[in-house]
Amino acid sequence: MNKGTINLESERLILRKIELSDYNDIFNCWTSDFNVSKYVTWNPHKTPEETKKLTNYWVSDYDNDYSYRWLVVLKDTNETIGMIDVIAKNLQYMTAEVGYCYGSKFWGNGYASEALKTVINYLHSEGFPVVYAQHFASNIASGKVMKNAGMEYEGLLRSRVINKDGEREDVHIYSSVI
């Protein structure tokens, strides 16, 4: 039984476990969105079947007690707008790295910051005193999401990741520490 991913709510959002039946919504929302793929390490999905395979992996990962992954939906309409998850954790030092993806049509509404703040508060309550996130230097808006969620800027990590074009790229790191 997964202990990590519980249903969470904020003022405008519901964060819940991903179900296999969500794959079409996920495909239509962000995995096929070229604007989203500019800022991640994967190419946009061409078919819903690609997203179904990924969704199946995400769902099976809930067998891990410390899997934290949420589908983010609008409270008013139940429309899928993105996801947020813990992409790395260190249980010895109780640190968690959070990542997120949102469909580009939902950018600029404060949803990502609202969900991130909700997840940060939950992770702190679960015993993770350090929650951090990183973004490509080219994705300035993601830094604003982190700042608006109450995270503090820690610094620049030079040539830290290789983007989907095979080029090294700098990343900025933010954290919330209690």
C-alpha atoms as a PDB file:
ATOM      1  CA  MET A   1       0.000   0.000   0.000  1.00  0.00           C
ATOM      2  CA  ASN A   2       1.469   3.304  -1.080  1.00  0.00           C
ATOM      3  CA  LYS A   3       1.934   5.639   1.856  1.00  0.00           C
ATOM      4  CA  GLY A   4       3.294   8.582  -0.105  1.00  0.00           C
ATOM      5  CA  THR A   5       0.623   9.737  -2.501  1.00  0.00           C
ATOM      6  CA  ILE A   6      -2.515  10.798  -0.713  1.00  0.00           C
ATOM      7  CA  ASN A   7      -5.216  13.060  -2.088  1.00  0.00           C
ATOM      8  CA  LEU A   8      -4.380  16.702  -1.496  1.00  0.00           C
ATOM      9  CA  GLU A   9      -6.451  19.820  -2.086  1.00  0.00           C
ATOM     10  CA  SER A  10      -5.748  23.500  -2.410  1.00  0.00           C
ATOM     11  CA  GLU A  11      -8.070  26.398  -3.075  1.00  0.00           C
ATOM     12  CA  ARG A  12      -8.526  25.613  -6.785  1.00  0.00           C
ATOM     13  CA  LEU A  13      -6.911  22.212  -7.264  1.00  0.00           C
ATOM     14  CA  ILE A  14      -7.222  18.531  -6.447  1.00  0.00           C
ATOM     15  CA  LEU A  15      -4.040  16.462  -6.433  1.00  0.00           C
ATOM     16  CA  ARG A  16      -4.699  12.736  -6.690  1.00  0.00           C
ATOM     17  CA  LYS A  17      -3.109   9.483  -7.762  1.00  0.00           C
ATOM     18  CA  ILE A  18      -2.803   8.916 -11.486  1.00  0.00           C
ATOM     19  CA  GLU A  19      -4.961   6.101 -12.875  1.00  0.00           C
ATOM     20  CA  LEU A  20      -4.322   4.214 -16.114  1.00  0.00           C
ATOM     21  CA  SER A  21      -7.584   5.600 -17.494  1.00  0.00           C
ATOM     22  CA  ASP A  22      -6.056   9.117 -17.292  1.00  0.00           C
ATOM     23  CA  TYR A  23      -3.642   8.518 -20.171  1.00  0.00           C
ATOM     24  CA  ASN A  24      -5.734  10.248 -22.866  1.00  0.00           C
ATOM     25  CA  ASP A  25      -6.143  13.343 -20.697  1.00  0.00           C
ATOM     26  CA  ILE A  26      -2.403  13.311 -19.959  1.00  0.00           C
ATOM     27  CA  PHE A  27      -1.581  12.958 -23.670  1.00  0.00           C
ATOM     28  CA  ASN A  28      -3.910  15.800 -24.646  1.00  0.00           C
ATOM     29  CA  CYS A  29      -2.763  18.013 -21.790  1.00  0.00           C
ATOM     30  CA  TRP A  30       1.032  17.865 -21.767  1.00  0.00           C
ATOM     31  CA  THR A  31       2.872  14.813 -23.112  1.00  0.00           C
ATOM     32  CA  SER A  32       2.001  15.797 -26.710  1.00  0.00           C
ATOM     33  CA  ASP A  33       2.492  19.532 -26.080  1.00  0.00           C
ATOM     34  CA  PHE A  34       5.503  20.866 -28.016  1.00  0.00           C
ATOM     35  CA  ASN A  35       5.645  23.949 -25.756  1.00  0.00           C
ATOM     36  CA  VAL A  36       6.103  21.705 -22.715  1.00  0.00           C
ATOM     37  CA  SER A  37       8.763  19.567 -24.387  1.00  0.00           C
ATOM     38  CA  LYS A  38      11.027  22.613 -24.829  1.00  0.00           C
ATOM     39  CA  TYR A  39      11.787  22.490 -21.105  1.00  0.00           C
ATOM     40  CA  VAL A  40      12.086  18.760 -20.413  1.00  0.00           C
ATOM     41  CA  THR A  41      14.452  15.978 -21.458  1.00  0.00           C
ATOM     42  CA  TRP A  42      11.909  14.059 -23.578  1.00  0.00           C
ATOM     43  CA  ASN A  43      10.279  14.645 -26.938  1.00  0.00           C
ATOM     44  CA  PRO A  44       6.526  15.190 -27.262  1.00  0.00           C
ATOM     45  CA  HIS A  45       4.548  11.985 -27.584  1.00  0.00           C
ATOM     46  CA  LYS A  46       3.146  11.326 -31.042  1.00  0.00           C
ATOM     47  CA  THR A  47       0.419   8.878 -29.995  1.00  0.00           C
ATOM     48  CA  PRO A  48      -1.737   8.229 -26.936  1.00  0.00           C
ATOM     49  CA  GLU A  49      -0.186   4.729 -26.808  1.00  0.00           C
ATOM     50  CA  GLU A  50       3.192   6.260 -25.873  1.00  0.00           C
ATOM     51  CA  THR A  51       1.528   8.073 -23.002  1.00  0.00           C
ATOM     52  CA  LYS A  52      -0.387   4.939 -22.004  1.00  0.00           C
ATOM     53  CA  LYS A  53       2.918   3.073 -21.538  1.00  0.00           C
ATOM     54  CA  LEU A  54       4.308   5.896 -19.409  1.00  0.00           C
ATOM     55  CA  THR A  55       1.082   6.128 -17.412  1.00  0.00           C
ATOM     56  CA  ASN A  56       1.216   2.384 -16.786  1.00  0.00           C
ATOM     57  CA  TYR A  57       4.723   2.801 -15.353  1.00  0.00           C
ATOM     58  CA  TRP A  58       3.583   5.658 -13.131  1.00  0.00           C
ATOM     59  CA  VAL A  59       0.641   3.633 -11.833  1.00  0.00           C
ATOM     60  CA  SER A  60       2.814   0.561 -11.164  1.00  0.00           C
ATOM     61  CA  ASP A  61       5.279   2.774  -9.263  1.00  0.00           C
ATOM     62  CA  TYR A  62       2.610   3.309  -6.604  1.00  0.00           C
ATOM     63  CA  ASP A  63       3.608  -0.172  -5.360  1.00  0.00           C
ATOM     64  CA  ASN A  64       6.617   1.630  -3.890  1.00  0.00           C
ATOM     65  CA  ASP A  65       5.704   2.962  -0.437  1.00  0.00           C
ATOM     66  CA  TYR A  66       7.652   6.158  -1.042  1.00  0.00           C
ATOM     67  CA  SER A  67       6.293   7.059  -4.464  1.00  0.00           C
ATOM     68  CA  TYR A  68       4.905  10.570  -4.537  1.00  0.00           C
ATOM     69  CA  ARG A  69       3.128  11.407  -7.799  1.00  0.00           C
ATOM     70  CA  TRP A  70      -0.039  13.411  -8.313  1.00  0.00           C
ATOM     71  CA  LEU A  71      -2.282  14.250 -11.223  1.00  0.00           C
ATOM     72  CA  VAL A  72      -3.373  17.875 -10.873  1.00  0.00           C
ATOM     73  CA  VAL A  73      -6.974  18.656 -11.793  1.00  0.00           C
ATOM     74  CA  LEU A  74      -9.107  21.763 -11.513  1.00  0.00           C
ATOM     75  CA  LYS A  75     -11.566  21.538  -8.642  1.00  0.00           C
ATOM     76  CA  ASP A  76     -14.372  23.284 -10.520  1.00  0.00           C
ATOM     77  CA  THR A  77     -14.253  21.236 -13.737  1.00  0.00           C
ATOM     78  CA  ASN A  78     -12.187  18.131 -12.901  1.00  0.00           C
ATOM     79  CA  GLU A  79     -10.059  18.976 -15.964  1.00  0.00           C
ATOM     80  CA  THR A  80      -6.518  17.558 -15.994  1.00  0.00           C
ATOM     81  CA  ILE A  81      -3.961  20.368 -16.074  1.00  0.00           C
ATOM     82  CA  GLY A  82      -0.684  18.634 -15.181  1.00  0.00           C
ATOM     83  CA  MET A  83       1.247  16.539 -12.724  1.00  0.00           C
ATOM     84  CA  ILE A  84       3.692  16.992  -9.879  1.00  0.00           C
ATOM     85  CA  ASP A  85       5.916  14.356  -8.322  1.00  0.00           C
ATOM     86  CA  VAL A  86       8.979  13.624  -6.259  1.00  0.00           C
ATOM     87  CA  ILE A  87      11.593  12.769  -8.864  1.00  0.00           C
ATOM     88  CA  ALA A  88      14.416  12.049  -6.413  1.00  0.00           C
ATOM     89  CA  LYS A  89      14.586  11.441  -2.699  1.00  0.00           C
ATOM     90  CA  ASN A  90      17.186  10.560  -0.128  1.00  0.00           C
ATOM     91  CA  LEU A  91      15.610   8.723   2.791  1.00  0.00           C
ATOM     92  CA  GLN A  92      18.845   8.835   4.814  1.00  0.00           C
ATOM     93  CA  TYR A  93      18.921  12.639   4.768  1.00  0.00           C
ATOM     94  CA  MET A  94      15.174  13.062   4.151  1.00  0.00           C
ATOM     95  CA  THR A  95      15.477  15.324   1.131  1.00  0.00           C
ATOM     96  CA  ALA A  96      13.041  15.356  -1.782  1.00  0.00           C
ATOM     97  CA  GLU A  97      13.347  16.831  -5.266  1.00  0.00           C
ATOM     98  CA  VAL A  98      10.064  17.850  -6.844  1.00  0.00           C
ATOM     99  CA  GLY A  99       9.324  18.098 -10.572  1.00  0.00           C
ATOM    100  CA  TYR A 100       6.224  19.095 -12.464  1.00  0.00           C
ATOM    101  CA  CYS A 101       4.666  19.400 -15.926  1.00  0.00           C
ATOM    102  CA  TYR A 102       1.598  21.397 -16.901  1.00  0.00           C
ATOM    103  CA  GLY A 103      -0.137  21.783 -20.225  1.00  0.00           C
ATOM    104  CA  SER A 104       0.902  25.103 -21.778  1.00  0.00           C
ATOM    105  CA  LYS A 105      -2.697  26.306 -21.982  1.00  0.00           C
ATOM    106  CA  PHE A 106      -2.690  26.349 -18.156  1.00  0.00           C
ATOM    107  CA  TRP A 107       0.513  28.357 -17.769  1.00  0.00           C
ATOM    108  CA  GLY A 108       0.341  31.781 -16.159  1.00  0.00           C
ATOM    109  CA  ASN A 109      -2.618  31.117 -13.856  1.00  0.00           C
ATOM    110  CA  GLY A 110      -0.706  30.336 -10.660  1.00  0.00           C
ATOM    111  CA  TYR A 111      -1.775  26.679 -10.707  1.00  0.00           C
ATOM    112  CA  ALA A 112       1.774  25.309 -10.713  1.00  0.00           C
ATOM    113  CA  SER A 113       2.809  27.440  -7.721  1.00  0.00           C
ATOM    114  CA  GLU A 114      -0.380  26.519  -5.860  1.00  0.00           C
ATOM    115  CA  ALA A 115       0.195  22.795  -6.384  1.00  0.00           C
ATOM    116  CA  LEU A 116       3.907  23.065  -5.584  1.00  0.00           C
ATOM    117  CA  LYS A 117       3.203  24.876  -2.315  1.00  0.00           C
ATOM    118  CA  THR A 118       0.640  22.200  -1.400  1.00  0.00           C
ATOM    119  CA  VAL A 119       3.132  19.393  -2.089  1.00  0.00           C
ATOM    120  CA  ILE A 120       5.957  21.169  -0.237  1.00  0.00           C
ATOM    121  CA  ASN A 121       3.760  21.540   2.855  1.00  0.00           C
ATOM    122  CA  TYR A 122       2.766  17.873   2.645  1.00  0.00           C
ATOM    123  CA  LEU A 123       6.360  16.675   2.246  1.00  0.00           C
ATOM    124  CA  HIS A 124       7.484  18.806   5.188  1.00  0.00           C
ATOM    125  CA  SER A 125       4.694  17.270   7.286  1.00  0.00           C
ATOM    126  CA  GLU A 126       5.877  13.803   6.174  1.00  0.00           C
ATOM    127  CA  GLY A 127       9.332  14.450   7.636  1.00  0.00           C
ATOM    128  CA  PHE A 128      11.216  15.879   4.647  1.00  0.00           C
ATOM    129  CA  PRO A 129      12.810  19.072   6.028  1.00  0.00           C
ATOM    130  CA  VAL A 130      14.454  19.819   2.672  1.00  0.00           C
ATOM    131  CA  VAL A 131      12.385  19.996  -0.504  1.00  0.00           C
ATOM    132  CA  TYR A 132      14.074  21.304  -3.636  1.00  0.00           C
ATOM    133  CA  ALA A 133      13.430  21.764  -7.335  1.00  0.00           C
ATOM    134  CA  GLN A 134      15.516  22.578 -10.389  1.00  0.00           C
ATOM    135  CA  HIS A 135      14.759  24.145 -13.745  1.00  0.00           C
ATOM    136  CA  PHE A 136      16.614  24.637 -17.017  1.00  0.00           C
ATOM    137  CA  ALA A 137      18.176  28.105 -17.102  1.00  0.00           C
ATOM    138  CA  SER A 138      16.138  28.744 -20.254  1.00  0.00           C
ATOM    139  CA  ASN A 139      12.855  28.138 -18.392  1.00  0.00           C
ATOM    140  CA  ILE A 140      12.596  31.404 -16.483  1.00  0.00           C
ATOM    141  CA  ALA A 141       8.875  30.921 -15.778  1.00  0.00           C
ATOM    142  CA  SER A 142       9.589  27.741 -13.798  1.00  0.00           C
ATOM    143  CA  GLY A 143      11.850  29.731 -11.481  1.00  0.00           C
ATOM    144  CA  LYS A 144       8.959  32.121 -10.895  1.00  0.00           C
ATOM    145  CA  VAL A 145       6.737  29.138 -10.037  1.00  0.00           C
ATOM    146  CA  MET A 146       9.251  28.023  -7.404  1.00  0.00           C
ATOM    147  CA  LYS A 147       9.675  31.510  -5.968  1.00  0.00           C
ATOM    148  CA  ASN A 148       5.900  32.052  -5.846  1.00  0.00           C
ATOM    149  CA  ALA A 149       5.556  28.744  -3.972  1.00  0.00           C
ATOM    150  CA  GLY A 150       7.834  30.128  -1.253  1.00  0.00           C
ATOM    151  CA  MET A 151      11.071  28.440  -2.301  1.00  0.00           C
ATOM    152  CA  GLU A 152      14.375  30.277  -1.972  1.00  0.00           C
ATOM    153  CA  TYR A 153      16.959  30.496  -4.724  1.00  0.00           C
ATOM    154  CA  GLU A 154      20.094  28.490  -3.935  1.00  0.00           C
ATOM    155  CA  GLY A 155      22.173  28.891  -7.053  1.00  0.00           C
ATOM    156  CA  LEU A 156      23.234  27.899 -10.535  1.00  0.00           C
ATOM    157  CA  LEU A 157      24.469  24.399 -11.362  1.00  0.00           C
ATOM    158  CA  ARG A 158      26.558  24.760 -14.505  1.00  0.00           C
ATOM    159  CA  SER A 159      26.211  22.236 -17.336  1.00  0.00           C
ATOM    160  CA  ARG A 160      24.259  19.993 -14.972  1.00  0.00           C
ATOM    161  CA  VAL A 161      21.877  18.318 -17.415  1.00  0.00           C
ATOM    162  CA  ILE A 162      21.866  17.179 -20.996  1.00  0.00           C
ATOM    163  CA  ASN A 163      18.770  18.360 -22.811  1.00  0.00           C
ATOM    164  CA  LYS A 164      16.874  16.345 -25.395  1.00  0.00           C
ATOM    165  CA  ASP A 165      19.065  17.836 -28.148  1.00  0.00           C
ATOM    166  CA  GLY A 166      22.145  16.341 -26.478  1.00  0.00           C
ATOM    167  CA  GLU A 167      23.454  19.717 -25.316  1.00  0.00           C
ATOM    168  CA  ARG A 168      24.582  20.525 -21.795  1.00  0.00           C
ATOM    169  CA  GLU A 169      22.448  23.066 -20.022  1.00  0.00           C
ATOM    170  CA  ASP A 170      22.695  24.978 -16.760  1.00  0.00           C
ATOM    171  CA  VAL A 171      20.011  24.572 -14.117  1.00  0.00           C
ATOM    172  CA  HIS A 172      18.869  26.803 -11.286  1.00  0.00           C
ATOM    173  CA  ILE A 173      17.998  25.240  -7.942  1.00  0.00           C
ATOM    174  CA  TYR A 174      15.477  26.412  -5.345  1.00  0.00           C
ATOM    175  CA  SER A 175      14.596  24.922  -1.975  1.00  0.00           C
ATOM    176  CA  SER A 176      12.235  25.039   0.954  1.00  0.00           C
ATOM    177  CA  VAL A 177      13.920  24.162   4.237  1.00  0.00           C
ATOM    178  CA  ILE A 178      12.283  23.908   7.646  1.00  0.00           C
END
